[in-house]
N, C-alpha and C. Protein backbone atom coordinates (compact mmCIF):
# COMPACT_ATOMS: atom_id res chain seq x y z
N MET A 1 0.79 -1.23 0.03
CA MET A 1 -0.04 0.01 0.02
C MET A 1 0.84 1.26 0.05
N ALA A 2 0.32 2.32 -0.38
CA ALA A 2 0.91 3.77 -0.58
C ALA A 2 0.22 4.70 -0.03
N LEU A 3 1.01 5.75 0.41
CA LEU A 3 0.46 7.10 0.91
C LEU A 3 0.14 7.78 -0.54
N LEU A 4 -0.91 8.53 -0.60
CA LEU A 4 -1.13 9.26 -1.99
C LEU A 4 -1.25 10.84 -1.80
N LYS A 5 -0.75 11.39 -2.80
CA LYS A 5 -0.80 12.98 -2.43
C LYS A 5 -2.32 13.53 -2.79
N ILE A 6 -2.45 14.24 -1.80
CA ILE A 6 -3.90 14.94 -1.52
C ILE A 6 -3.80 16.16 -2.36
N ALA A 7 -4.93 16.32 -3.26
CA ALA A 7 -5.04 17.48 -4.25
C ALA A 7 -5.63 18.69 -3.13
N ARG A 8 -5.17 19.86 -3.27
CA ARG A 8 -5.61 20.99 -2.40
C ARG A 8 -6.40 21.96 -3.66
N MET A 9 -7.22 22.72 -2.85
CA MET A 9 -8.15 23.59 -3.21
C MET A 9 -7.52 24.44 -4.42
N GLY A 10 -7.96 24.50 -5.41
CA GLY A 10 -7.23 25.09 -6.77
C GLY A 10 -7.00 24.31 -7.72
N HIS A 11 -6.64 22.87 -7.40
CA HIS A 11 -6.17 21.93 -8.56
C HIS A 11 -7.63 21.77 -9.38
N PRO A 12 -7.59 21.67 -10.58
CA PRO A 12 -8.62 21.37 -11.51
C PRO A 12 -9.56 19.87 -11.34
N VAL A 13 -8.75 19.13 -10.61
CA VAL A 13 -9.07 17.80 -10.39
C VAL A 13 -10.43 17.74 -9.50
N LEU A 14 -10.18 18.79 -8.42
CA LEU A 14 -11.25 18.95 -7.46
C LEU A 14 -12.58 19.65 -7.98
N ARG A 15 -12.55 20.22 -9.13
CA ARG A 15 -13.67 20.89 -9.57
C ARG A 15 -14.22 20.06 -11.08
N THR A 16 -13.79 19.04 -11.21
CA THR A 16 -14.16 17.94 -12.29
C THR A 16 -15.03 16.85 -11.88
N PRO A 17 -16.31 16.81 -12.39
CA PRO A 17 -17.21 15.36 -12.23
C PRO A 17 -16.24 14.36 -12.36
N ALA A 18 -16.37 13.40 -11.38
CA ALA A 18 -15.73 12.06 -11.58
C ALA A 18 -16.49 11.12 -12.44
N GLU A 19 -15.92 10.21 -12.98
CA GLU A 19 -16.47 9.24 -14.06
C GLU A 19 -16.72 8.01 -13.20
N PRO A 20 -17.91 7.20 -13.63
CA PRO A 20 -18.32 5.93 -12.79
C PRO A 20 -17.07 4.86 -13.38
N VAL A 21 -17.09 4.13 -12.09
CA VAL A 21 -16.13 2.96 -12.12
C VAL A 21 -16.96 1.69 -12.76
N ARG A 22 -16.30 1.45 -13.94
CA ARG A 22 -17.11 0.48 -14.82
C ARG A 22 -16.96 -1.18 -14.19
N ASP A 23 -15.73 -1.38 -13.46
CA ASP A 23 -15.52 -2.79 -12.88
C ASP A 23 -15.00 -2.56 -11.34
N PRO A 24 -16.02 -2.63 -10.33
CA PRO A 24 -15.47 -2.38 -9.11
C PRO A 24 -14.41 -3.62 -8.45
N THR A 25 -14.46 -4.67 -9.22
CA THR A 25 -13.67 -5.74 -9.05
C THR A 25 -12.15 -5.86 -9.47
N ASP A 26 -11.87 -4.67 -10.44
CA ASP A 26 -10.66 -4.63 -11.15
C ASP A 26 -9.57 -4.46 -9.94
N HIS A 27 -8.36 -5.13 -10.15
CA HIS A 27 -7.34 -5.12 -9.11
C HIS A 27 -6.81 -3.47 -9.09
N ALA A 28 -6.79 -2.84 -9.98
CA ALA A 28 -6.31 -1.60 -9.86
C ALA A 28 -7.29 -0.67 -9.09
N ILE A 29 -8.54 -0.87 -9.15
CA ILE A 29 -9.35 -0.34 -8.31
C ILE A 29 -9.25 -0.81 -6.67
N ARG A 30 -9.28 -2.00 -6.61
CA ARG A 30 -8.77 -2.65 -5.19
C ARG A 30 -7.53 -1.79 -4.49
N ARG A 31 -6.52 -1.84 -5.36
CA ARG A 31 -5.19 -1.17 -4.98
C ARG A 31 -5.68 0.33 -4.59
N LEU A 32 -6.29 1.11 -5.34
CA LEU A 32 -6.49 2.58 -5.00
C LEU A 32 -7.28 2.66 -3.82
N ALA A 33 -8.37 1.69 -3.69
CA ALA A 33 -9.12 1.78 -2.57
C ALA A 33 -8.29 1.46 -1.24
N ALA A 34 -7.41 0.69 -1.20
CA ALA A 34 -6.71 0.31 -0.13
C ALA A 34 -5.66 1.42 0.23
N ASP A 35 -4.89 2.09 -0.95
CA ASP A 35 -4.28 3.31 -0.88
C ASP A 35 -5.14 4.40 -0.26
N MET A 36 -6.40 4.72 -0.74
CA MET A 36 -7.10 5.60 0.05
C MET A 36 -7.49 5.51 1.32
N ILE A 37 -7.57 4.57 1.56
CA ILE A 37 -7.70 4.05 3.28
C ILE A 37 -6.66 4.46 4.01
N GLU A 38 -5.57 3.89 3.49
CA GLU A 38 -4.34 4.28 4.34
C GLU A 38 -3.90 5.73 4.33
N THR A 39 -4.23 6.44 3.26
CA THR A 39 -4.01 7.99 3.11
C THR A 39 -5.07 8.54 4.16
N MET A 40 -6.25 8.22 4.08
CA MET A 40 -7.23 8.88 5.11
C MET A 40 -6.72 8.77 6.50
N HIS A 41 -6.68 7.57 6.91
CA HIS A 41 -5.84 7.30 8.43
C HIS A 41 -4.61 8.36 8.63
N ASP A 42 -3.78 8.18 7.63
CA ASP A 42 -2.52 8.82 7.64
C ASP A 42 -2.81 10.50 8.01
N ALA A 43 -3.74 11.01 7.25
CA ALA A 43 -3.91 12.47 7.14
C ALA A 43 -4.04 13.26 8.54
N PRO A 44 -4.90 12.90 9.40
CA PRO A 44 -5.86 11.92 9.43
C PRO A 44 -7.18 12.40 9.05
N GLY A 45 -8.15 11.61 8.61
CA GLY A 45 -9.43 12.08 8.15
C GLY A 45 -10.34 11.16 8.31
N VAL A 46 -11.97 11.35 7.91
CA VAL A 46 -12.99 10.54 8.15
C VAL A 46 -13.46 10.13 6.86
N GLY A 47 -13.08 10.89 5.88
CA GLY A 47 -13.47 10.36 4.48
C GLY A 47 -12.41 10.78 3.42
N LEU A 48 -12.35 10.19 2.51
CA LEU A 48 -11.66 10.55 1.01
C LEU A 48 -12.13 10.29 -0.04
N ALA A 49 -12.29 11.11 -1.01
CA ALA A 49 -12.87 10.83 -2.41
C ALA A 49 -11.84 10.63 -3.36
N ALA A 50 -12.01 9.75 -4.27
CA ALA A 50 -10.63 9.46 -5.27
C ALA A 50 -10.41 10.99 -5.89
N PRO A 51 -11.09 11.98 -6.37
CA PRO A 51 -10.61 13.09 -7.02
C PRO A 51 -9.54 13.78 -5.88
N GLN A 52 -9.68 13.56 -4.68
CA GLN A 52 -8.95 14.15 -3.61
C GLN A 52 -7.24 13.65 -3.82
N VAL A 53 -7.44 12.54 -4.47
CA VAL A 53 -5.90 11.91 -4.66
C VAL A 53 -5.71 11.72 -6.26
N HIS A 54 -6.10 12.80 -7.06
CA HIS A 54 -5.98 12.78 -8.21
C HIS A 54 -6.42 11.74 -9.06
N ARG A 55 -7.53 11.13 -8.77
CA ARG A 55 -8.09 10.06 -9.48
C ARG A 55 -9.59 10.53 -10.02
N GLY A 56 -10.05 10.59 -11.15
CA GLY A 56 -11.34 11.15 -11.45
C GLY A 56 -12.33 9.99 -11.67
N LEU A 57 -12.46 9.35 -10.50
CA LEU A 57 -13.41 8.08 -10.41
C LEU A 57 -14.21 8.39 -9.21
N ARG A 58 -15.45 7.57 -9.25
CA ARG A 58 -16.59 7.68 -8.37
C ARG A 58 -16.25 6.70 -7.31
N ILE A 59 -15.48 6.93 -6.43
CA ILE A 59 -14.93 6.06 -5.17
C ILE A 59 -14.83 7.13 -4.06
N VAL A 60 -15.36 6.52 -2.98
CA VAL A 60 -15.17 7.25 -1.69
C VAL A 60 -14.89 6.18 -0.70
N VAL A 61 -14.27 6.63 0.25
CA VAL A 61 -13.87 5.77 1.48
C VAL A 61 -14.15 6.49 2.71
N PHE A 62 -14.66 6.01 3.51
CA PHE A 62 -14.95 6.77 4.85
C PHE A 62 -14.90 5.73 6.11
N ARG A 63 -15.04 6.43 7.45
CA ARG A 63 -15.35 5.97 8.46
C ARG A 63 -16.03 6.72 9.51
N VAL A 64 -16.76 6.18 10.47
CA VAL A 64 -17.51 7.09 11.35
C VAL A 64 -17.13 6.63 12.82
N PRO A 65 -16.03 7.51 13.27
CA PRO A 65 -15.75 6.99 14.77
C PRO A 65 -16.91 7.08 15.91
N ALA A 66 -16.92 6.25 16.90
CA ALA A 66 -18.01 6.23 17.74
C ALA A 66 -17.96 7.59 18.41
N ASP A 67 -16.96 8.21 18.87
CA ASP A 67 -16.98 9.60 19.68
C ASP A 67 -17.39 10.56 18.79
N ARG A 68 -17.38 10.42 17.49
CA ARG A 68 -17.75 11.73 16.58
C ARG A 68 -19.39 11.39 16.12
N SER A 69 -20.06 10.43 16.42
CA SER A 69 -21.31 10.14 15.95
C SER A 69 -22.39 9.93 17.13
N GLY A 70 -21.88 9.95 18.35
CA GLY A 70 -22.76 9.51 19.34
C GLY A 70 -23.22 8.11 19.54
N GLY A 71 -22.20 7.26 19.22
CA GLY A 71 -22.09 6.07 19.63
C GLY A 71 -22.18 4.86 18.17
N GLU A 72 -22.60 5.54 16.89
CA GLU A 72 -22.61 5.04 15.88
C GLU A 72 -21.54 4.91 15.13
N ALA A 73 -20.59 3.93 15.26
CA ALA A 73 -19.47 3.69 14.56
C ALA A 73 -19.77 2.92 13.34
N VAL A 74 -18.81 3.40 12.26
CA VAL A 74 -18.91 2.58 11.06
C VAL A 74 -17.38 2.45 10.58
N ALA A 75 -17.08 1.23 10.40
CA ALA A 75 -15.62 0.77 10.13
C ALA A 75 -15.31 1.09 8.67
N ASP A 76 -13.88 1.14 8.53
CA ASP A 76 -13.69 1.65 7.01
C ASP A 76 -14.78 1.11 5.97
N THR A 77 -15.00 1.92 5.11
CA THR A 77 -16.06 1.42 4.19
C THR A 77 -15.57 2.06 2.79
N VAL A 78 -15.71 1.25 1.75
CA VAL A 78 -15.40 1.74 0.35
C VAL A 78 -16.64 1.72 -0.32
N LEU A 79 -17.04 2.63 -0.98
CA LEU A 79 -18.24 3.03 -1.50
C LEU A 79 -18.01 3.42 -2.98
N ILE A 80 -18.46 2.57 -3.90
CA ILE A 80 -18.14 2.85 -5.34
C ILE A 80 -19.40 3.40 -6.14
N ASN A 81 -19.22 4.22 -7.25
CA ASN A 81 -20.63 4.84 -7.58
C ASN A 81 -21.55 5.08 -6.72
N PRO A 82 -21.48 6.11 -5.77
CA PRO A 82 -22.24 6.20 -4.84
C PRO A 82 -23.36 7.14 -5.28
N VAL A 83 -24.66 6.90 -4.66
CA VAL A 83 -25.67 8.15 -4.88
C VAL A 83 -26.23 8.39 -3.44
N VAL A 84 -26.54 9.45 -3.36
CA VAL A 84 -27.19 10.01 -1.87
C VAL A 84 -28.51 10.75 -2.15
N GLU A 85 -29.39 10.17 -1.44
CA GLU A 85 -30.87 10.46 -1.48
C GLU A 85 -31.14 11.24 -0.10
N PRO A 86 -31.61 12.53 -0.09
CA PRO A 86 -32.01 13.16 1.34
C PRO A 86 -33.33 12.49 1.74
N LEU A 87 -33.66 12.18 2.80
CA LEU A 87 -34.76 11.76 3.67
C LEU A 87 -35.42 12.79 4.73
N GLY A 88 -36.26 13.39 3.89
CA GLY A 88 -36.81 14.87 4.37
C GLY A 88 -36.06 16.19 4.07
N GLU A 89 -36.64 16.96 4.29
CA GLU A 89 -36.20 18.50 4.16
C GLU A 89 -35.06 19.03 4.98
N GLU A 90 -35.19 18.44 6.32
CA GLU A 90 -34.59 18.96 7.51
C GLU A 90 -32.88 19.30 7.28
N LEU A 91 -32.60 20.41 7.33
CA LEU A 91 -31.01 20.81 7.16
C LEU A 91 -30.56 21.09 8.51
N VAL A 92 -29.28 20.39 8.92
CA VAL A 92 -28.69 20.95 10.02
C VAL A 92 -27.06 21.53 9.54
N ALA A 93 -26.97 22.69 10.45
CA ALA A 93 -25.71 23.35 10.28
C ALA A 93 -24.57 22.64 11.06
N GLY A 94 -23.31 22.49 10.56
CA GLY A 94 -22.55 21.75 11.35
C GLY A 94 -21.06 22.30 10.99
N TRP A 95 -19.82 22.01 11.58
CA TRP A 95 -18.56 22.29 11.34
C TRP A 95 -18.09 21.25 10.19
N GLU A 96 -17.49 21.69 9.27
CA GLU A 96 -16.77 20.65 8.26
C GLU A 96 -15.51 21.11 8.23
N GLY A 97 -14.51 20.26 7.70
CA GLY A 97 -13.16 20.34 7.43
C GLY A 97 -12.93 19.69 6.14
N CYS A 98 -11.67 19.67 5.57
CA CYS A 98 -11.48 18.91 4.23
C CYS A 98 -10.06 18.85 4.17
N LEU A 99 -9.65 17.75 4.03
CA LEU A 99 -7.92 17.30 3.67
C LEU A 99 -7.74 18.01 2.50
N SER A 100 -8.43 18.59 1.54
CA SER A 100 -8.10 19.33 0.28
C SER A 100 -8.05 20.75 0.64
N ILE A 101 -8.66 21.11 1.89
CA ILE A 101 -8.55 22.62 2.21
C ILE A 101 -7.97 22.70 3.59
N PRO A 102 -6.81 22.31 3.88
CA PRO A 102 -5.92 21.99 5.22
C PRO A 102 -5.84 23.39 5.95
N GLY A 103 -6.39 23.21 7.37
CA GLY A 103 -6.19 24.32 8.30
C GLY A 103 -7.47 25.31 8.31
N LEU A 104 -8.53 24.94 7.43
CA LEU A 104 -9.66 25.76 7.72
C LEU A 104 -10.88 24.60 8.05
N ARG A 105 -12.10 25.26 8.42
CA ARG A 105 -13.08 24.73 8.45
C ARG A 105 -14.22 25.85 8.37
N GLY A 106 -15.41 25.25 8.30
CA GLY A 106 -16.63 26.19 7.97
C GLY A 106 -18.13 25.46 8.41
N ILE A 107 -18.95 26.32 8.66
CA ILE A 107 -20.36 26.01 9.18
C ILE A 107 -20.97 25.64 7.83
N VAL A 108 -21.62 24.31 7.67
CA VAL A 108 -22.39 23.88 6.46
C VAL A 108 -23.61 23.32 6.57
N PRO A 109 -24.62 23.74 6.08
CA PRO A 109 -25.89 23.14 6.06
C PRO A 109 -25.92 21.61 5.39
N ARG A 110 -26.40 20.54 5.96
CA ARG A 110 -26.49 19.38 5.24
C ARG A 110 -27.94 18.77 5.83
N HIS A 111 -28.19 17.87 4.68
CA HIS A 111 -29.32 17.06 5.28
C HIS A 111 -29.18 16.22 6.39
N ARG A 112 -30.04 16.20 7.47
CA ARG A 112 -29.87 15.56 8.68
C ARG A 112 -30.12 13.87 8.49
N ARG A 113 -30.76 13.56 7.55
CA ARG A 113 -31.16 12.18 7.29
C ARG A 113 -30.81 11.80 5.55
N ILE A 114 -29.98 10.84 5.26
CA ILE A 114 -30.10 10.23 3.98
C ILE A 114 -30.19 8.89 3.79
N ARG A 115 -30.42 8.61 2.66
CA ARG A 115 -30.25 7.26 2.22
C ARG A 115 -28.94 7.11 1.09
N TYR A 116 -28.17 6.21 1.38
CA TYR A 116 -26.83 6.29 0.22
C TYR A 116 -27.01 4.62 -0.32
N ARG A 117 -26.52 4.54 -1.36
CA ARG A 117 -26.21 3.39 -2.03
C ARG A 117 -25.06 3.38 -3.00
N GLY A 118 -24.69 2.20 -3.32
CA GLY A 118 -23.48 2.01 -4.14
C GLY A 118 -23.18 0.57 -4.32
N VAL A 119 -21.77 0.33 -4.53
CA VAL A 119 -21.49 -1.10 -4.47
C VAL A 119 -20.07 -1.14 -3.83
N ASP A 120 -19.74 -2.47 -3.27
CA ASP A 120 -18.34 -2.53 -2.49
C ASP A 120 -17.36 -3.13 -3.65
N LEU A 121 -16.30 -3.48 -3.23
CA LEU A 121 -15.06 -3.98 -4.15
C LEU A 121 -15.61 -5.28 -4.69
N SER A 122 -16.41 -5.92 -4.21
CA SER A 122 -16.75 -7.20 -4.73
C SER A 122 -18.08 -7.14 -5.89
N GLY A 123 -18.42 -5.80 -5.87
CA GLY A 123 -19.71 -5.48 -6.68
C GLY A 123 -20.84 -5.67 -6.09
N ASN A 124 -21.01 -5.97 -4.75
CA ASN A 124 -22.16 -6.07 -3.85
C ASN A 124 -22.73 -4.92 -3.59
N PRO A 125 -24.13 -4.84 -3.68
CA PRO A 125 -24.73 -3.63 -3.48
C PRO A 125 -24.48 -3.34 -1.92
N ILE A 126 -24.53 -1.93 -1.67
CA ILE A 126 -24.56 -1.35 -0.24
C ILE A 126 -25.76 -0.44 -0.20
N GLU A 127 -26.70 -0.54 0.72
CA GLU A 127 -27.63 0.38 0.82
C GLU A 127 -28.00 0.68 2.22
N ARG A 128 -27.57 2.09 2.90
CA ARG A 128 -27.99 2.33 4.02
C ARG A 128 -28.74 3.84 4.39
N GLU A 129 -29.11 3.84 5.41
CA GLU A 129 -29.73 5.19 5.98
C GLU A 129 -28.69 5.42 6.95
N ALA A 130 -28.53 6.86 7.01
CA ALA A 130 -27.75 7.46 7.84
C ALA A 130 -28.16 8.88 8.23
N GLU A 131 -27.82 9.07 9.57
CA GLU A 131 -28.08 10.51 10.10
C GLU A 131 -27.15 11.09 10.70
N GLY A 132 -26.93 12.32 11.29
CA GLY A 132 -26.10 13.12 11.82
C GLY A 132 -24.61 12.96 11.31
N PHE A 133 -23.72 13.12 11.91
CA PHE A 133 -22.46 13.05 11.40
C PHE A 133 -22.08 12.08 10.13
N HIS A 134 -22.69 10.82 10.26
CA HIS A 134 -22.57 9.77 9.40
C HIS A 134 -23.05 10.22 7.99
N ALA A 135 -24.23 10.90 8.26
CA ALA A 135 -25.00 11.66 6.94
C ALA A 135 -24.01 12.76 6.46
N ARG A 136 -23.40 13.70 7.33
CA ARG A 136 -22.65 14.62 6.70
C ARG A 136 -21.35 14.13 6.10
N VAL A 137 -20.66 13.09 6.52
CA VAL A 137 -19.59 12.58 5.82
C VAL A 137 -19.84 12.19 4.59
N LEU A 138 -20.78 11.40 4.07
CA LEU A 138 -21.26 10.91 2.99
C LEU A 138 -21.57 12.00 2.05
N GLN A 139 -22.27 12.93 2.45
CA GLN A 139 -22.54 14.33 1.61
C GLN A 139 -21.52 14.92 1.26
N HIS A 140 -20.70 15.08 2.15
CA HIS A 140 -19.24 15.81 2.02
C HIS A 140 -18.54 15.14 0.81
N GLU A 141 -18.34 13.96 1.03
CA GLU A 141 -17.41 12.98 0.18
C GLU A 141 -18.05 12.75 -1.32
N VAL A 142 -19.38 12.57 -1.35
CA VAL A 142 -20.13 12.46 -2.67
C VAL A 142 -20.07 13.94 -3.45
N ASP A 143 -20.01 15.05 -2.76
CA ASP A 143 -20.06 16.33 -3.15
C ASP A 143 -18.69 16.23 -4.11
N HIS A 144 -17.59 15.87 -3.46
CA HIS A 144 -16.21 15.62 -3.94
C HIS A 144 -16.31 15.11 -5.42
N LEU A 145 -17.25 14.20 -5.70
CA LEU A 145 -17.29 13.39 -7.04
C LEU A 145 -18.15 14.20 -7.87
N ASP A 146 -18.79 15.29 -7.74
CA ASP A 146 -19.45 16.18 -8.58
C ASP A 146 -18.66 17.19 -8.63
N GLY A 147 -17.62 17.68 -8.11
CA GLY A 147 -16.60 18.66 -8.13
C GLY A 147 -17.16 19.89 -7.27
N ILE A 148 -17.68 19.55 -6.12
CA ILE A 148 -18.24 20.42 -5.07
C ILE A 148 -17.33 20.42 -3.91
N LEU A 149 -16.99 21.56 -3.43
CA LEU A 149 -16.12 21.54 -2.09
C LEU A 149 -17.20 22.45 -1.17
N TYR A 150 -16.90 21.77 0.27
CA TYR A 150 -17.92 22.46 1.26
C TYR A 150 -17.99 23.78 1.35
N ILE A 151 -16.97 24.50 1.00
CA ILE A 151 -17.22 25.96 0.93
C ILE A 151 -18.46 26.47 0.09
N ASP A 152 -18.38 25.60 -1.17
CA ASP A 152 -19.57 25.94 -2.06
C ASP A 152 -20.92 26.00 -1.39
N ARG A 153 -21.04 25.05 -0.48
CA ARG A 153 -22.24 24.96 0.25
C ARG A 153 -22.59 25.73 1.39
N MET A 154 -21.61 26.85 1.60
CA MET A 154 -21.80 27.61 2.74
C MET A 154 -22.67 28.93 2.44
N PRO A 155 -23.61 29.16 3.19
CA PRO A 155 -24.44 30.24 2.74
C PRO A 155 -23.95 31.66 3.28
N ASP A 156 -22.78 31.47 4.23
CA ASP A 156 -22.17 32.55 4.83
C ASP A 156 -20.59 32.33 5.11
N LEU A 157 -19.80 33.06 4.26
CA LEU A 157 -18.51 32.73 4.24
C LEU A 157 -17.84 33.44 5.59
N ARG A 158 -18.87 34.19 6.32
CA ARG A 158 -18.18 34.73 7.74
C ARG A 158 -18.06 33.46 8.73
N LEU A 159 -18.56 32.45 8.29
CA LEU A 159 -18.62 31.34 9.33
C LEU A 159 -17.39 30.25 8.77
N LEU A 160 -16.57 30.81 7.84
CA LEU A 160 -15.33 29.84 7.66
C LEU A 160 -14.04 30.59 8.40
N ALA A 161 -13.40 29.54 9.00
CA ALA A 161 -12.31 30.23 9.91
C ALA A 161 -11.18 29.12 9.90
N PHE A 162 -9.80 29.72 10.16
CA PHE A 162 -8.80 28.72 10.51
C PHE A 162 -9.31 27.85 11.79
N ASN A 163 -8.75 26.53 11.87
CA ASN A 163 -9.24 25.63 12.99
C ASN A 163 -8.94 26.07 14.23
N GLU A 164 -7.97 26.85 14.57
CA GLU A 164 -7.82 27.39 15.78
C GLU A 164 -8.27 28.52 16.29
N GLU A 165 -9.06 29.06 15.08
CA GLU A 165 -9.87 30.25 15.32
C GLU A 165 -11.25 30.05 15.58
N SER A 166 -11.62 28.78 15.17
CA SER A 166 -12.99 28.70 15.05
C SER A 166 -14.02 28.57 16.27
N GLU A 167 -13.24 28.38 17.37
CA GLU A 167 -13.88 28.66 18.72
C GLU A 167 -14.68 30.20 18.73
N HIS A 168 -14.12 31.22 18.21
CA HIS A 168 -14.77 32.36 18.33
C HIS A 168 -16.02 32.45 17.77
N ILE A 169 -16.21 31.70 16.51
CA ILE A 169 -17.53 31.58 15.65
C ILE A 169 -18.40 30.90 16.66
N THR A 170 -18.07 29.66 17.21
CA THR A 170 -18.76 28.79 17.96
C THR A 170 -19.36 29.65 19.25
N ALA A 171 -18.59 30.29 19.88
CA ALA A 171 -18.91 31.28 20.87
C ALA A 171 -20.03 32.24 20.59
N ALA A 172 -19.76 32.93 19.35
CA ALA A 172 -20.57 33.93 18.96
C ALA A 172 -21.95 33.58 18.65
N LEU A 173 -22.09 32.20 18.03
CA LEU A 173 -23.20 31.55 17.69
C LEU A 173 -23.98 31.00 18.91
N SER A 174 -23.35 30.81 20.06
CA SER A 174 -23.92 30.20 21.29
C SER A 174 -24.59 31.54 22.08
N ALA A 175 -24.06 32.56 21.74
CA ALA A 175 -24.36 33.84 22.59
C ALA A 175 -25.76 34.30 22.57
């Protein structure tokens, strides 16, 4: 396995819609997914989309740590050709960061509940419902496959801050 270079905001690969994966069982796809998981852990992050590692393919890897999701842990998952469907209209604003926009984070509205589907590395279907942090991670990563960054979803760029300064925004919003 290998650590992959993460594309940063400004690189055209992050703004180009990714192509569907034709054969999820292909050895090169398995290798890419393994390298993406290793890169995600090393970064460290909770999700990574193939365009973030300079590959224009519809592949995401993610994990949901129990301490970030209120107890709903999800192990490392590879999702190929994912589709996200909102379940309801409710949006929840929450902090997001991105490995492609290091050092910054912003408050982004996302659907509270979603259904997502795709296939795994064996071509087996995956379909799950998710809410909260789990739903946020999937929406963020699938956006990458469509050339969308979280800052594009922010209705107010005054809610974008360096990580170490974001506590000021949180305090102002709580007051």
